């Protein structure tokens, strides 16, 4: 599987604070990336901000927005032939982001190493 975490800055605050627009954008981005969107739920926060989660046949995706600072985060985990970077680019365009950064993690290649904080109950 592949996980991507993306942070968007300089986004349109009106889009970031629209539950309807963020919900549609999240579902569209996942669909265009090749995912099968089973369900998308979202919550509008007061005074501002939206959180959205999409359940995909291939796994899941979600985001949260901070309209007051023009920022948003998008996380997608997929398996199979889905291209999560397609979703990231669609989200960036849809939010009118001035810039974004992302981290791409191939979960199958993960191992415990010195660069991870390992929690062990033993």
N, C-alpha and C. Protein backbone atom coordinates (compact mmCIF):
# COMPACT_ATOMS: atom_id res chain seq x y z
N UNK A 1 0.82 -1.19 0.00
CA UNK A 1 0.00 0.00 0.00
C UNK A 1 0.86 1.25 0.00
N UNK A 2 0.25 2.36 -0.31
CA UNK A 2 0.94 3.63 -0.36
C UNK A 2 0.16 4.67 0.44
N UNK A 3 0.86 5.40 1.28
CA UNK A 3 0.26 6.48 2.06
C UNK A 3 0.89 7.79 1.66
N UNK A 4 0.08 8.82 1.49
CA UNK A 4 0.57 10.16 1.19
C UNK A 4 -0.06 11.12 2.18
N UNK A 5 0.78 11.96 2.77
CA UNK A 5 0.33 13.05 3.62
C UNK A 5 0.74 14.34 2.93
N UNK A 6 -0.22 15.24 2.71
CA UNK A 6 0.06 16.50 2.02
C UNK A 6 -0.44 17.67 2.85
N UNK A 7 0.37 18.72 2.90
CA UNK A 7 0.01 19.97 3.58
C UNK A 7 -0.08 21.05 2.53
N UNK A 8 -1.21 21.75 2.48
CA UNK A 8 -1.46 22.81 1.51
C UNK A 8 -1.48 24.15 2.22
N UNK A 9 -0.86 25.16 1.61
CA UNK A 9 -0.84 26.52 2.18
C UNK A 9 -1.26 27.53 1.13
N UNK A 10 -1.71 28.69 1.61
CA UNK A 10 -2.14 29.75 0.71
C UNK A 10 -3.42 29.41 -0.02
N UNK A 11 -4.28 28.64 0.63
CA UNK A 11 -5.53 28.19 0.01
C UNK A 11 -6.63 29.23 0.17
N UNK A 12 -7.65 29.15 -0.66
CA UNK A 12 -8.80 30.04 -0.62
C UNK A 12 -9.61 29.74 0.65
N UNK A 13 -9.70 30.70 1.58
CA UNK A 13 -10.40 30.47 2.85
C UNK A 13 -11.89 30.13 2.68
N UNK A 14 -12.53 30.69 1.66
CA UNK A 14 -13.95 30.39 1.46
C UNK A 14 -14.15 28.93 1.06
N UNK A 15 -13.25 28.41 0.24
CA UNK A 15 -13.34 27.00 -0.12
C UNK A 15 -13.05 26.14 1.11
N UNK A 16 -12.03 26.51 1.87
CA UNK A 16 -11.66 25.74 3.05
C UNK A 16 -12.77 25.67 4.09
N UNK A 17 -13.66 26.65 4.09
CA UNK A 17 -14.72 26.68 5.09
C UNK A 17 -16.07 26.21 4.54
N UNK A 18 -16.07 25.63 3.34
CA UNK A 18 -17.31 25.14 2.74
C UNK A 18 -17.36 23.62 2.85
N UNK A 19 -18.22 23.15 3.72
CA UNK A 19 -18.37 21.70 3.89
C UNK A 19 -18.74 21.04 2.56
N UNK A 20 -19.66 21.63 1.84
CA UNK A 20 -20.10 21.07 0.56
C UNK A 20 -18.95 20.97 -0.43
N UNK A 21 -18.17 22.04 -0.58
CA UNK A 21 -17.07 22.04 -1.55
C UNK A 21 -15.96 21.07 -1.16
N UNK A 22 -15.61 21.02 0.12
CA UNK A 22 -14.55 20.12 0.57
C UNK A 22 -14.98 18.67 0.43
N UNK A 23 -16.23 18.37 0.73
CA UNK A 23 -16.75 17.00 0.60
C UNK A 23 -16.70 16.56 -0.86
N UNK A 24 -17.19 17.41 -1.75
CA UNK A 24 -17.18 17.07 -3.18
C UNK A 24 -15.76 16.96 -3.72
N UNK A 25 -14.88 17.87 -3.30
CA UNK A 25 -13.49 17.85 -3.77
C UNK A 25 -12.78 16.58 -3.33
N UNK A 26 -12.99 16.17 -2.09
CA UNK A 26 -12.36 14.96 -1.57
C UNK A 26 -12.82 13.73 -2.36
N UNK A 27 -14.12 13.60 -2.55
CA UNK A 27 -14.66 12.46 -3.29
C UNK A 27 -14.18 12.48 -4.74
N UNK A 28 -14.18 13.65 -5.38
CA UNK A 28 -13.72 13.76 -6.76
C UNK A 28 -12.25 13.38 -6.88
N UNK A 29 -11.41 13.87 -5.97
CA UNK A 29 -9.98 13.57 -6.02
C UNK A 29 -9.73 12.07 -5.90
N UNK A 30 -10.44 11.43 -4.99
CA UNK A 30 -10.28 9.98 -4.82
C UNK A 30 -10.74 9.23 -6.06
N UNK A 31 -11.88 9.62 -6.60
CA UNK A 31 -12.42 8.97 -7.79
C UNK A 31 -11.46 9.13 -8.97
N UNK A 32 -10.96 10.35 -9.19
CA UNK A 32 -10.06 10.61 -10.31
C UNK A 32 -8.73 9.87 -10.15
N UNK A 33 -8.35 9.58 -8.92
CA UNK A 33 -7.11 8.83 -8.66
C UNK A 33 -7.29 7.34 -8.95
N UNK A 34 -8.53 6.93 -9.21
CA UNK A 34 -8.79 5.53 -9.52
C UNK A 34 -9.40 4.74 -8.38
N UNK A 35 -9.76 5.42 -7.30
CA UNK A 35 -10.34 4.74 -6.14
C UNK A 35 -11.85 4.58 -6.31
N UNK A 36 -12.37 3.59 -5.62
CA UNK A 36 -13.81 3.39 -5.54
C UNK A 36 -14.29 4.00 -4.23
N UNK A 37 -15.00 5.12 -4.32
CA UNK A 37 -15.47 5.83 -3.13
C UNK A 37 -16.76 5.17 -2.65
N UNK A 38 -16.72 4.58 -1.46
CA UNK A 38 -17.89 3.91 -0.90
C UNK A 38 -18.76 4.88 -0.11
N UNK A 39 -18.12 5.77 0.61
CA UNK A 39 -18.87 6.73 1.43
C UNK A 39 -17.96 7.89 1.81
N UNK A 40 -18.51 9.10 1.83
CA UNK A 40 -17.77 10.28 2.28
C UNK A 40 -18.62 10.99 3.32
N UNK A 41 -18.02 11.29 4.44
CA UNK A 41 -18.67 12.02 5.53
C UNK A 41 -17.86 13.27 5.84
N UNK A 42 -18.54 14.31 6.27
CA UNK A 42 -17.82 15.53 6.64
C UNK A 42 -18.51 16.23 7.81
N UNK A 43 -17.73 17.06 8.47
CA UNK A 43 -18.20 17.82 9.63
C UNK A 43 -17.74 19.26 9.48
N UNK A 44 -18.65 20.21 9.70
CA UNK A 44 -18.33 21.63 9.72
C UNK A 44 -18.11 22.04 11.16
N UNK A 45 -16.99 22.70 11.44
CA UNK A 45 -16.69 23.15 12.79
C UNK A 45 -16.99 24.63 12.95
N UNK A 46 -17.26 25.05 14.18
CA UNK A 46 -17.47 26.46 14.50
C UNK A 46 -16.27 26.94 15.30
N UNK A 47 -15.70 28.06 15.02
CA UNK A 47 -16.21 29.02 14.04
C UNK A 47 -15.82 28.71 12.60
N UNK A 48 -14.85 27.82 12.37
CA UNK A 48 -14.47 27.52 10.99
C UNK A 48 -13.72 26.19 10.92
N UNK A 49 -13.66 25.65 9.72
CA UNK A 49 -12.93 24.42 9.48
C UNK A 49 -13.85 23.27 9.11
N UNK A 50 -13.31 22.36 8.33
CA UNK A 50 -14.05 21.19 7.87
C UNK A 50 -13.15 19.97 7.97
N UNK A 51 -13.70 18.86 8.40
CA UNK A 51 -13.01 17.57 8.35
C UNK A 51 -13.84 16.64 7.48
N UNK A 52 -13.15 15.88 6.63
CA UNK A 52 -13.82 14.97 5.71
C UNK A 52 -13.09 13.64 5.72
N UNK A 53 -13.84 12.56 5.67
CA UNK A 53 -13.27 11.22 5.56
C UNK A 53 -13.99 10.48 4.45
N UNK A 54 -13.21 9.84 3.58
CA UNK A 54 -13.78 8.99 2.54
C UNK A 54 -13.34 7.56 2.79
N UNK A 55 -14.31 6.66 2.81
CA UNK A 55 -14.02 5.24 2.89
C UNK A 55 -13.92 4.75 1.45
N UNK A 56 -12.79 4.16 1.12
CA UNK A 56 -12.55 3.67 -0.23
C UNK A 56 -12.53 2.15 -0.23
N UNK A 57 -12.91 1.55 -1.33
CA UNK A 57 -12.77 0.10 -1.44
C UNK A 57 -11.30 -0.28 -1.28
N UNK A 58 -10.40 0.64 -1.65
CA UNK A 58 -8.96 0.42 -1.59
C UNK A 58 -8.33 0.90 -0.29
N UNK A 59 -9.07 1.52 0.61
CA UNK A 59 -8.65 1.94 1.94
C UNK A 59 -9.39 3.20 2.37
N UNK A 60 -8.67 4.34 2.59
CA UNK A 60 -9.34 5.52 3.11
C UNK A 60 -8.57 6.80 2.78
N UNK A 61 -9.27 7.93 2.94
CA UNK A 61 -8.67 9.25 2.74
C UNK A 61 -9.37 10.24 3.65
N UNK A 62 -8.69 11.30 4.02
CA UNK A 62 -9.32 12.31 4.86
C UNK A 62 -8.56 13.61 4.82
N UNK A 63 -9.23 14.65 5.28
CA UNK A 63 -8.58 15.95 5.35
C UNK A 63 -9.16 16.79 6.48
N UNK A 64 -8.45 17.86 6.77
CA UNK A 64 -8.94 18.88 7.71
C UNK A 64 -8.47 20.23 7.20
N UNK A 65 -9.33 21.24 7.37
CA UNK A 65 -8.99 22.58 6.90
C UNK A 65 -8.93 23.58 8.04
N UNK A 66 -8.09 24.59 7.85
CA UNK A 66 -7.96 25.72 8.77
C UNK A 66 -8.10 26.99 7.94
N UNK A 67 -9.36 27.43 7.70
CA UNK A 67 -9.58 28.61 6.85
C UNK A 67 -8.88 29.87 7.37
N UNK A 68 -8.78 29.99 8.69
CA UNK A 68 -8.18 31.20 9.27
C UNK A 68 -6.70 31.35 8.91
N UNK A 69 -6.05 30.25 8.58
CA UNK A 69 -4.64 30.33 8.19
C UNK A 69 -4.40 29.91 6.74
N UNK A 70 -5.48 29.59 6.02
CA UNK A 70 -5.36 29.20 4.62
C UNK A 70 -4.67 27.87 4.42
N UNK A 71 -4.80 26.97 5.40
CA UNK A 71 -4.08 25.69 5.34
C UNK A 71 -5.04 24.51 5.37
N UNK A 72 -4.56 23.40 4.83
CA UNK A 72 -5.31 22.14 4.87
C UNK A 72 -4.33 20.99 4.85
N UNK A 73 -4.75 19.86 5.39
CA UNK A 73 -3.96 18.64 5.31
C UNK A 73 -4.84 17.57 4.67
N UNK A 74 -4.22 16.73 3.85
CA UNK A 74 -4.92 15.64 3.17
C UNK A 74 -4.08 14.38 3.35
N UNK A 75 -4.71 13.31 3.78
CA UNK A 75 -4.03 12.04 3.98
C UNK A 75 -4.80 10.98 3.20
N UNK A 76 -4.07 10.19 2.42
CA UNK A 76 -4.73 9.12 1.68
C UNK A 76 -3.87 7.87 1.77
N UNK A 77 -4.52 6.75 2.03
CA UNK A 77 -3.85 5.45 2.05
C UNK A 77 -4.58 4.57 1.05
N UNK A 78 -3.83 3.98 0.13
CA UNK A 78 -4.47 3.18 -0.90
C UNK A 78 -3.70 1.89 -1.15
N UNK A 79 -4.41 0.94 -1.71
CA UNK A 79 -3.83 -0.32 -2.19
C UNK A 79 -4.23 -0.46 -3.65
N UNK A 80 -3.54 -1.31 -4.36
CA UNK A 80 -3.92 -1.60 -5.73
C UNK A 80 -3.42 -0.55 -6.71
N UNK A 81 -4.22 -0.30 -7.74
CA UNK A 81 -3.81 0.56 -8.85
C UNK A 81 -4.19 2.02 -8.67
N UNK A 82 -4.52 2.44 -7.49
CA UNK A 82 -4.87 3.84 -7.22
C UNK A 82 -3.59 4.67 -7.15
N UNK A 83 -3.62 5.87 -7.76
CA UNK A 83 -2.47 6.78 -7.73
C UNK A 83 -2.79 7.95 -6.79
N UNK A 84 -2.34 7.89 -5.54
CA UNK A 84 -2.71 8.94 -4.59
C UNK A 84 -2.19 10.32 -4.97
N UNK A 85 -1.12 10.39 -5.77
CA UNK A 85 -0.61 11.71 -6.17
C UNK A 85 -1.57 12.43 -7.12
N UNK A 86 -2.36 11.68 -7.86
CA UNK A 86 -3.40 12.30 -8.68
C UNK A 86 -4.38 13.02 -7.76
N UNK A 87 -4.77 12.36 -6.68
CA UNK A 87 -5.68 12.97 -5.71
C UNK A 87 -5.06 14.22 -5.09
N UNK A 88 -3.79 14.17 -4.73
CA UNK A 88 -3.11 15.32 -4.12
C UNK A 88 -3.13 16.51 -5.07
N UNK A 89 -2.83 16.29 -6.34
CA UNK A 89 -2.81 17.40 -7.31
C UNK A 89 -4.22 17.99 -7.51
N UNK A 90 -5.24 17.15 -7.52
CA UNK A 90 -6.62 17.63 -7.67
C UNK A 90 -7.02 18.45 -6.45
N UNK A 91 -6.65 17.99 -5.26
CA UNK A 91 -6.94 18.75 -4.04
C UNK A 91 -6.24 20.11 -4.09
N UNK A 92 -4.97 20.13 -4.49
CA UNK A 92 -4.21 21.39 -4.58
C UNK A 92 -4.91 22.38 -5.50
N UNK A 93 -5.30 21.93 -6.68
CA UNK A 93 -5.99 22.82 -7.62
C UNK A 93 -7.34 23.27 -7.07
N UNK A 94 -8.08 22.34 -6.49
CA UNK A 94 -9.41 22.66 -5.96
C UNK A 94 -9.39 23.65 -4.81
N UNK A 95 -8.32 23.60 -4.01
CA UNK A 95 -8.18 24.53 -2.87
C UNK A 95 -7.54 25.85 -3.30
N UNK A 96 -7.07 25.90 -4.54
CA UNK A 96 -6.32 27.06 -5.05
C UNK A 96 -5.07 27.30 -4.20
N UNK A 97 -4.41 26.20 -3.84
CA UNK A 97 -3.22 26.27 -2.98
C UNK A 97 -2.07 26.96 -3.71
N UNK A 98 -1.41 27.86 -3.01
CA UNK A 98 -0.23 28.52 -3.58
C UNK A 98 0.97 27.58 -3.55
N UNK A 99 1.01 26.68 -2.57
CA UNK A 99 2.10 25.71 -2.47
C UNK A 99 1.65 24.53 -1.62
N UNK A 100 2.37 23.43 -1.81
CA UNK A 100 2.09 22.27 -0.97
C UNK A 100 3.33 21.40 -0.88
N UNK A 101 3.39 20.65 0.20
CA UNK A 101 4.44 19.66 0.41
C UNK A 101 3.76 18.33 0.70
N UNK A 102 4.48 17.25 0.41
CA UNK A 102 3.89 15.95 0.68
C UNK A 102 4.98 14.95 1.03
N UNK A 103 4.56 13.90 1.70
CA UNK A 103 5.43 12.77 2.03
C UNK A 103 4.74 11.52 1.52
N UNK A 104 5.45 10.76 0.74
CA UNK A 104 4.94 9.54 0.15
C UNK A 104 5.60 8.37 0.86
N UNK A 105 4.80 7.47 1.42
CA UNK A 105 5.34 6.33 2.16
C UNK A 105 4.81 5.05 1.55
N UNK A 106 5.69 4.18 1.11
CA UNK A 106 5.29 2.86 0.63
C UNK A 106 5.26 1.93 1.83
N UNK A 107 4.09 1.64 2.29
CA UNK A 107 3.89 0.92 3.54
C UNK A 107 4.51 -0.48 3.48
N UNK A 108 4.47 -1.12 2.34
CA UNK A 108 5.05 -2.46 2.23
C UNK A 108 6.55 -2.47 2.48
N UNK A 109 7.21 -1.33 2.28
CA UNK A 109 8.66 -1.24 2.44
C UNK A 109 9.06 -0.78 3.84
N UNK A 110 8.08 -0.49 4.70
CA UNK A 110 8.40 -0.01 6.04
C UNK A 110 9.02 -1.11 6.90
N UNK A 111 10.00 -0.71 7.68
CA UNK A 111 10.60 -1.59 8.67
C UNK A 111 10.84 -0.78 9.93
N UNK A 112 10.99 -1.44 11.04
CA UNK A 112 11.37 -0.74 12.26
C UNK A 112 12.83 -0.32 12.11
N UNK A 113 13.10 0.95 12.37
CA UNK A 113 14.47 1.46 12.22
C UNK A 113 14.71 2.56 13.23
N UNK A 114 15.92 3.07 13.24
CA UNK A 114 16.28 4.14 14.18
C UNK A 114 15.53 5.44 13.92
N UNK A 115 15.00 5.61 12.70
CA UNK A 115 14.31 6.85 12.38
C UNK A 115 12.86 6.86 12.85
N UNK A 116 12.37 5.77 13.39
CA UNK A 116 11.00 5.68 13.90
C UNK A 116 11.00 5.67 15.41
N UNK A 117 9.97 6.25 15.97
CA UNK A 117 9.74 6.12 17.41
C UNK A 117 8.95 4.84 17.60
N UNK A 118 9.55 3.88 18.26
CA UNK A 118 8.92 2.57 18.43
C UNK A 118 8.34 2.49 19.84
N UNK A 119 7.06 2.21 19.90
CA UNK A 119 6.38 2.05 21.18
C UNK A 119 6.26 0.55 21.44
N UNK A 120 6.72 0.14 22.61
CA UNK A 120 6.69 -1.28 22.93
C UNK A 120 6.12 -1.42 24.35
N UNK A 121 5.02 -2.14 24.46
CA UNK A 121 4.40 -2.33 25.77
C UNK A 121 5.19 -3.28 26.66
N UNK A 122 6.17 -3.97 26.08
CA UNK A 122 6.91 -5.00 26.83
C UNK A 122 8.01 -4.44 27.54
